[in-house]
Amino acid sequence: MAKTKNEELKNKVEKALAQDKELSKNYDINVDVIDEEVHLSGIVDTLADKKRAERLVRSVPEVQYLDND
């Protein structure tokens, strides 16, 4: 069965986050994609880590909207 656009985008975002070994090792960042909008949730220790996760997600060309709780 073919993946939906939401599933494809979620996989790309998760792959981008996994490439940052410090983020992926230290934090459990959850990715949800609804109507092609990316929603991140989870707890990080610093604002810098939150911003780094946002930069990584925004580096995925298909990301048009990001909500980072």
PDB file of N, CA and C in Angstrom:
ATOM      1  N   MET A   1       0.835  -1.174   0.000  1.00  0.00           N
ATOM      2  CA  MET A   1       0.000   0.000   0.000  1.00  0.00           C
ATOM      3  C   MET A   1       0.892   1.253   0.000  1.00  0.00           C
ATOM      4  N   ALA A   2       0.500   2.220  -0.776  1.00  0.00           N
ATOM      5  CA  ALA A   2       1.272   3.457  -0.880  1.00  0.00           C
ATOM      6  C   ALA A   2       1.111   4.299   0.383  1.00  0.00           C
ATOM      7  N   LYS A   3       2.179   4.981   0.738  1.00  0.00           N
ATOM      8  CA  LYS A   3       2.132   5.853   1.905  1.00  0.00           C
ATOM      9  C   LYS A   3       1.401   7.141   1.555  1.00  0.00           C
ATOM     10  N   THR A   4       0.746   7.697   2.536  1.00  0.00           N
ATOM     11  CA  THR A   4       0.102   8.982   2.337  1.00  0.00           C
ATOM     12  C   THR A   4       1.151  10.084   2.425  1.00  0.00           C
ATOM     13  N   LYS A   5       0.783  11.279   1.992  1.00  0.00           N
ATOM     14  CA  LYS A   5       1.702  12.416   2.098  1.00  0.00           C
ATOM     15  C   LYS A   5       2.082  12.672   3.553  1.00  0.00           C
ATOM     16  N   ASN A   6       1.114  12.513   4.450  1.00  0.00           N
ATOM     17  CA  ASN A   6       1.408  12.716   5.867  1.00  0.00           C
ATOM     18  C   ASN A   6       2.451  11.722   6.362  1.00  0.00           C
ATOM     19  N   GLU A   7       2.313  10.462   5.990  1.00  0.00           N
ATOM     20  CA  GLU A   7       3.271   9.429   6.418  1.00  0.00           C
ATOM     21  C   GLU A   7       4.651   9.686   5.828  1.00  0.00           C
ATOM     22  N   GLU A   8       4.691  10.074   4.574  1.00  0.00           N
ATOM     23  CA  GLU A   8       5.980  10.369   3.933  1.00  0.00           C
ATOM     24  C   GLU A   8       6.668  11.544   4.619  1.00  0.00           C
ATOM     25  N   LEU A   9       5.905  12.589   4.894  1.00  0.00           N
ATOM     26  CA  LEU A   9       6.477  13.764   5.551  1.00  0.00           C
ATOM     27  C   LEU A   9       6.950  13.417   6.960  1.00  0.00           C
ATOM     28  N   LYS A  10       6.172  12.646   7.695  1.00  0.00           N
ATOM     29  CA  LYS A  10       6.570  12.227   9.042  1.00  0.00           C
ATOM     30  C   LYS A  10       7.883  11.454   8.993  1.00  0.00           C
ATOM     31  N   ASN A  11       8.022  10.539   8.050  1.00  0.00           N
ATOM     32  CA  ASN A  11       9.270   9.770   7.922  1.00  0.00           C
ATOM     33  C   ASN A  11      10.456  10.675   7.639  1.00  0.00           C
ATOM     34  N   LYS A  12      10.275  11.663   6.773  1.00  0.00           N
ATOM     35  CA  LYS A  12      11.370  12.584   6.436  1.00  0.00           C
ATOM     36  C   LYS A  12      11.764  13.427   7.649  1.00  0.00           C
ATOM     37  N   VAL A  13      10.780  13.896   8.398  1.00  0.00           N
ATOM     38  CA  VAL A  13      11.057  14.711   9.585  1.00  0.00           C
ATOM     39  C   VAL A  13      11.757  13.864  10.645  1.00  0.00           C
ATOM     40  N   GLU A  14      11.281  12.655  10.881  1.00  0.00           N
ATOM     41  CA  GLU A  14      11.919  11.776  11.865  1.00  0.00           C
ATOM     42  C   GLU A  14      13.357  11.459  11.457  1.00  0.00           C
ATOM     43  N   LYS A  15      13.588  11.275  10.181  1.00  0.00           N
ATOM     44  CA  LYS A  15      14.946  11.003   9.695  1.00  0.00           C
ATOM     45  C   LYS A  15      15.849  12.217   9.932  1.00  0.00           C
ATOM     46  N   ALA A  16      15.330  13.414   9.672  1.00  0.00           N
ATOM     47  CA  ALA A  16      16.118  14.630   9.891  1.00  0.00           C
ATOM     48  C   ALA A  16      16.481  14.773  11.370  1.00  0.00           C
ATOM     49  N   LEU A  17      15.536  14.518  12.252  1.00  0.00           N
ATOM     50  CA  LEU A  17      15.811  14.611  13.688  1.00  0.00           C
ATOM     51  C   LEU A  17      16.796  13.536  14.139  1.00  0.00           C
ATOM     52  N   ALA A  18      16.690  12.347  13.576  1.00  0.00           N
ATOM     53  CA  ALA A  18      17.576  11.244  13.963  1.00  0.00           C
ATOM     54  C   ALA A  18      19.024  11.504  13.553  1.00  0.00           C
ATOM     55  N   GLN A  19      19.232  12.344  12.568  1.00  0.00           N
ATOM     56  CA  GLN A  19      20.598  12.645  12.129  1.00  0.00           C
ATOM     57  C   GLN A  19      21.365  13.456  13.161  1.00  0.00           C
ATOM     58  N   ASP A  20      20.647  14.134  14.050  1.00  0.00           N
ATOM     59  CA  ASP A  20      21.299  14.854  15.140  1.00  0.00           C
ATOM     60  C   ASP A  20      21.414  13.884  16.313  1.00  0.00           C
ATOM     61  N   LYS A  21      22.576  13.318  16.486  1.00  0.00           N
ATOM     62  CA  LYS A  21      22.772  12.258  17.483  1.00  0.00           C
ATOM     63  C   LYS A  21      22.489  12.741  18.905  1.00  0.00           C
ATOM     64  N   GLU A  22      22.834  13.977  19.224  1.00  0.00           N
ATOM     65  CA  GLU A  22      22.601  14.471  20.577  1.00  0.00           C
ATOM     66  C   GLU A  22      21.106  14.597  20.862  1.00  0.00           C
ATOM     67  N   LEU A  23      20.355  15.162  19.932  1.00  0.00           N
ATOM     68  CA  LEU A  23      18.913  15.277  20.128  1.00  0.00           C
ATOM     69  C   LEU A  23      18.255  13.907  20.212  1.00  0.00           C
ATOM     70  N   SER A  24      18.609  13.031  19.290  1.00  0.00           N
ATOM     71  CA  SER A  24      17.937  11.724  19.249  1.00  0.00           C
ATOM     72  C   SER A  24      18.324  10.842  20.430  1.00  0.00           C
ATOM     73  N   LYS A  25      19.526  11.030  20.971  1.00  0.00           N
ATOM     74  CA  LYS A  25      19.970  10.226  22.113  1.00  0.00           C
ATOM     75  C   LYS A  25      19.385  10.730  23.428  1.00  0.00           C
ATOM     76  N   ASN A  26      19.293  12.046  23.576  1.00  0.00           N
ATOM     77  CA  ASN A  26      18.911  12.634  24.864  1.00  0.00           C
ATOM     78  C   ASN A  26      17.426  12.911  25.031  1.00  0.00           C
ATOM     79  N   TYR A  27      16.687  12.975  23.923  1.00  0.00           N
ATOM     80  CA  TYR A  27      15.290  13.392  24.020  1.00  0.00           C
ATOM     81  C   TYR A  27      14.382  12.474  23.212  1.00  0.00           C
ATOM     82  N   ASP A  28      13.145  12.414  23.665  1.00  0.00           N
ATOM     83  CA  ASP A  28      12.112  11.685  22.946  1.00  0.00           C
ATOM     84  C   ASP A  28      11.181  12.723  22.316  1.00  0.00           C
ATOM     85  N   ILE A  29      11.484  13.096  21.083  1.00  0.00           N
ATOM     86  CA  ILE A  29      10.696  14.100  20.378  1.00  0.00           C
ATOM     87  C   ILE A  29       9.691  13.368  19.497  1.00  0.00           C
ATOM     88  N   ASN A  30       8.432  13.642  19.747  1.00  0.00           N
ATOM     89  CA  ASN A  30       7.357  12.999  18.989  1.00  0.00           C
ATOM     90  C   ASN A  30       6.979  13.849  17.792  1.00  0.00           C
ATOM     91  N   VAL A  31       6.747  13.184  16.670  1.00  0.00           N
ATOM     92  CA  VAL A  31       6.369  13.858  15.429  1.00  0.00           C
ATOM     93  C   VAL A  31       4.985  13.372  15.021  1.00  0.00           C
ATOM     94  N   ASP A  32       4.097  14.315  14.805  1.00  0.00           N
ATOM     95  CA  ASP A  32       2.788  14.018  14.241  1.00  0.00           C
ATOM     96  C   ASP A  32       2.604  14.908  13.022  1.00  0.00           C
ATOM     97  N   VAL A  33       1.988  14.367  11.993  1.00  0.00           N
ATOM     98  CA  VAL A  33       1.678  15.155  10.805  1.00  0.00           C
ATOM     99  C   VAL A  33       0.194  14.994  10.530  1.00  0.00           C
ATOM    100  N   ILE A  34      -0.488  16.122  10.532  1.00  0.00           N
ATOM    101  CA  ILE A  34      -1.920  16.149  10.285  1.00  0.00           C
ATOM    102  C   ILE A  34      -2.175  17.161   9.179  1.00  0.00           C
ATOM    103  N   ASP A  35      -2.812  16.716   8.121  1.00  0.00           N
ATOM    104  CA  ASP A  35      -3.077  17.596   6.973  1.00  0.00           C
ATOM    105  C   ASP A  35      -1.811  18.279   6.488  1.00  0.00           C
ATOM    106  N   GLU A  36      -0.717  17.509   6.457  1.00  0.00           N
ATOM    107  CA  GLU A  36       0.596  17.958   5.995  1.00  0.00           C
ATOM    108  C   GLU A  36       1.186  19.071   6.857  1.00  0.00           C
ATOM    109  N   GLU A  37       0.715  19.211   8.095  1.00  0.00           N
ATOM    110  CA  GLU A  37       1.290  20.141   9.061  1.00  0.00           C
ATOM    111  C   GLU A  37       2.041  19.340  10.115  1.00  0.00           C
ATOM    112  N   VAL A  38       3.285  19.739  10.389  1.00  0.00           N
ATOM    113  CA  VAL A  38       4.140  19.013  11.316  1.00  0.00           C
ATOM    114  C   VAL A  38       3.941  19.562  12.728  1.00  0.00           C
ATOM    115  N   HIS A  39       3.724  18.644  13.672  1.00  0.00           N
ATOM    116  CA  HIS A  39       3.559  18.993  15.076  1.00  0.00           C
ATOM    117  C   HIS A  39       4.602  18.212  15.876  1.00  0.00           C
ATOM    118  N   LEU A  40       5.455  18.933  16.588  1.00  0.00           N
ATOM    119  CA  LEU A  40       6.452  18.308  17.454  1.00  0.00           C
ATOM    120  C   LEU A  40       5.991  18.421  18.891  1.00  0.00           C
ATOM    121  N   SER A  41       6.269  17.391  19.673  1.00  0.00           N
ATOM    122  CA  SER A  41       6.001  17.447  21.103  1.00  0.00           C
ATOM    123  C   SER A  41       7.080  16.659  21.826  1.00  0.00           C
ATOM    124  N   GLY A  42       7.246  16.991  23.065  1.00  0.00           N
ATOM    125  CA  GLY A  42       8.271  16.351  23.878  1.00  0.00           C
ATOM    126  C   GLY A  42       8.937  17.396  24.749  1.00  0.00           C
ATOM    127  N   ILE A  43       9.870  16.963  25.559  1.00  0.00           N
ATOM    128  CA  ILE A  43      10.545  17.871  26.484  1.00  0.00           C
ATOM    129  C   ILE A  43      12.035  17.862  26.179  1.00  0.00           C
ATOM    130  N   VAL A  44      12.590  19.060  26.021  1.00  0.00           N
ATOM    131  CA  VAL A  44      14.036  19.226  25.885  1.00  0.00           C
ATOM    132  C   VAL A  44      14.512  20.115  27.029  1.00  0.00           C
ATOM    133  N   ASP A  45      15.803  20.107  27.286  1.00  0.00           N
ATOM    134  CA  ASP A  45      16.336  20.829  28.445  1.00  0.00           C
ATOM    135  C   ASP A  45      16.501  22.328  28.216  1.00  0.00           C
ATOM    136  N   THR A  46      16.766  22.706  26.979  1.00  0.00           N
ATOM    137  CA  THR A  46      17.086  24.118  26.743  1.00  0.00           C
ATOM    138  C   THR A  46      16.331  24.656  25.529  1.00  0.00           C
ATOM    139  N   LEU A  47      16.205  25.967  25.502  1.00  0.00           N
ATOM    140  CA  LEU A  47      15.610  26.632  24.349  1.00  0.00           C
ATOM    141  C   LEU A  47      16.465  26.389  23.106  1.00  0.00           C
ATOM    142  N   ALA A  48      17.773  26.307  23.302  1.00  0.00           N
ATOM    143  CA  ALA A  48      18.673  26.050  22.172  1.00  0.00           C
ATOM    144  C   ALA A  48      18.370  24.691  21.532  1.00  0.00           C
ATOM    145  N   ASP A  49      18.085  23.684  22.342  1.00  0.00           N
ATOM    146  CA  ASP A  49      17.740  22.368  21.798  1.00  0.00           C
ATOM    147  C   ASP A  49      16.405  22.418  21.056  1.00  0.00           C
ATOM    148  N   LYS A  50      15.469  23.167  21.595  1.00  0.00           N
ATOM    149  CA  LYS A  50      14.176  23.317  20.918  1.00  0.00           C
ATOM    150  C   LYS A  50      14.368  23.978  19.556  1.00  0.00           C
ATOM    151  N   LYS A  51      15.157  25.039  19.526  1.00  0.00           N
ATOM    152  CA  LYS A  51      15.405  25.745  18.263  1.00  0.00           C
ATOM    153  C   LYS A  51      16.174  24.862  17.283  1.00  0.00           C
ATOM    154  N   ARG A  52      17.100  24.044  17.798  1.00  0.00           N
ATOM    155  CA  ARG A  52      17.851  23.139  16.914  1.00  0.00           C
ATOM    156  C   ARG A  52      16.909  22.130  16.276  1.00  0.00           C
ATOM    157  N   ALA A  53      15.980  21.588  17.051  1.00  0.00           N
ATOM    158  CA  ALA A  53      14.999  20.658  16.493  1.00  0.00           C
ATOM    159  C   ALA A  53      14.156  21.349  15.425  1.00  0.00           C
ATOM    160  N   GLU A  54      13.754  22.582  15.688  1.00  0.00           N
ATOM    161  CA  GLU A  54      12.964  23.330  14.703  1.00  0.00           C
ATOM    162  C   GLU A  54      13.745  23.543  13.410  1.00  0.00           C
ATOM    163  N   ARG A  55      15.027  23.903  13.536  1.00  0.00           N
ATOM    164  CA  ARG A  55      15.857  24.104  12.333  1.00  0.00           C
ATOM    165  C   ARG A  55      15.964  22.826  11.519  1.00  0.00           C
ATOM    166  N   LEU A  56      16.160  21.710  12.203  1.00  0.00           N
ATOM    167  CA  LEU A  56      16.265  20.433  11.498  1.00  0.00           C
ATOM    168  C   LEU A  56      14.978  20.115  10.742  1.00  0.00           C
ATOM    169  N   VAL A  57      13.847  20.333  11.395  1.00  0.00           N
ATOM    170  CA  VAL A  57      12.561  20.040  10.747  1.00  0.00           C
ATOM    171  C   VAL A  57      12.342  20.975   9.569  1.00  0.00           C
ATOM    172  N   ARG A  58      12.655  22.247   9.746  1.00  0.00           N
ATOM    173  CA  ARG A  58      12.460  23.208   8.654  1.00  0.00           C
ATOM    174  C   ARG A  58      13.406  22.957   7.488  1.00  0.00           C
ATOM    175  N   SER A  59      14.463  22.187   7.712  1.00  0.00           N
ATOM    176  CA  SER A  59      15.388  21.864   6.616  1.00  0.00           C
ATOM    177  C   SER A  59      14.785  20.848   5.647  1.00  0.00           C
ATOM    178  N   VAL A  60      13.700  20.203   6.047  1.00  0.00           N
ATOM    179  CA  VAL A  60      12.998  19.269   5.161  1.00  0.00           C
ATOM    180  C   VAL A  60      12.167  20.121   4.199  1.00  0.00           C
ATOM    181  N   PRO A  61      12.455  20.063   2.905  1.00  0.00           N
ATOM    182  CA  PRO A  61      11.814  20.977   1.949  1.00  0.00           C
ATOM    183  C   PRO A  61      10.290  20.942   1.946  1.00  0.00           C
ATOM    184  N   GLU A  62       9.692  19.817   2.249  1.00  0.00           N
ATOM    185  CA  GLU A  62       8.234  19.692   2.177  1.00  0.00           C
ATOM    186  C   GLU A  62       7.502  20.312   3.374  1.00  0.00           C
ATOM    187  N   VAL A  63       8.263  20.697   4.407  1.00  0.00           N
ATOM    188  CA  VAL A  63       7.630  21.262   5.601  1.00  0.00           C
ATOM    189  C   VAL A  63       7.186  22.696   5.305  1.00  0.00           C
ATOM    190  N   GLN A  64       5.890  22.895   5.351  1.00  0.00           N
ATOM    191  CA  GLN A  64       5.313  24.222   5.136  1.00  0.00           C
ATOM    192  C   GLN A  64       4.861  24.858   6.445  1.00  0.00           C
ATOM    193  N   TYR A  65       4.498  24.039   7.422  1.00  0.00           N
ATOM    194  CA  TYR A  65       3.995  24.526   8.702  1.00  0.00           C
ATOM    195  C   TYR A  65       4.571  23.672   9.818  1.00  0.00           C
ATOM    196  N   LEU A  66       5.037  24.326  10.878  1.00  0.00           N
ATOM    197  CA  LEU A  66       5.587  23.613  12.022  1.00  0.00           C
ATOM    198  C   LEU A  66       5.005  24.189  13.303  1.00  0.00           C
ATOM    199  N   ASP A  67       4.469  23.313  14.135  1.00  0.00           N
ATOM    200  CA  ASP A  67       3.996  23.665  15.462  1.00  0.00           C
ATOM    201  C   ASP A  67       4.873  22.890  16.441  1.00  0.00           C
ATOM    202  N   ASN A  68       5.566  23.601  17.312  1.00  0.00           N
ATOM    203  CA  ASN A  68       6.489  22.948  18.236  1.00  0.00           C
ATOM    204  C   ASN A  68       6.060  23.245  19.660  1.00  0.00           C
ATOM    205  N   ASP A  69       5.347  22.301  20.271  1.00  0.00           N
ATOM    206  CA  ASP A  69       4.883  22.469  21.654  1.00  0.00           C
ATOM    207  C   ASP A  69       5.995  22.237  22.632  1.00  0.00           C
TER     208      ASP A  69
END
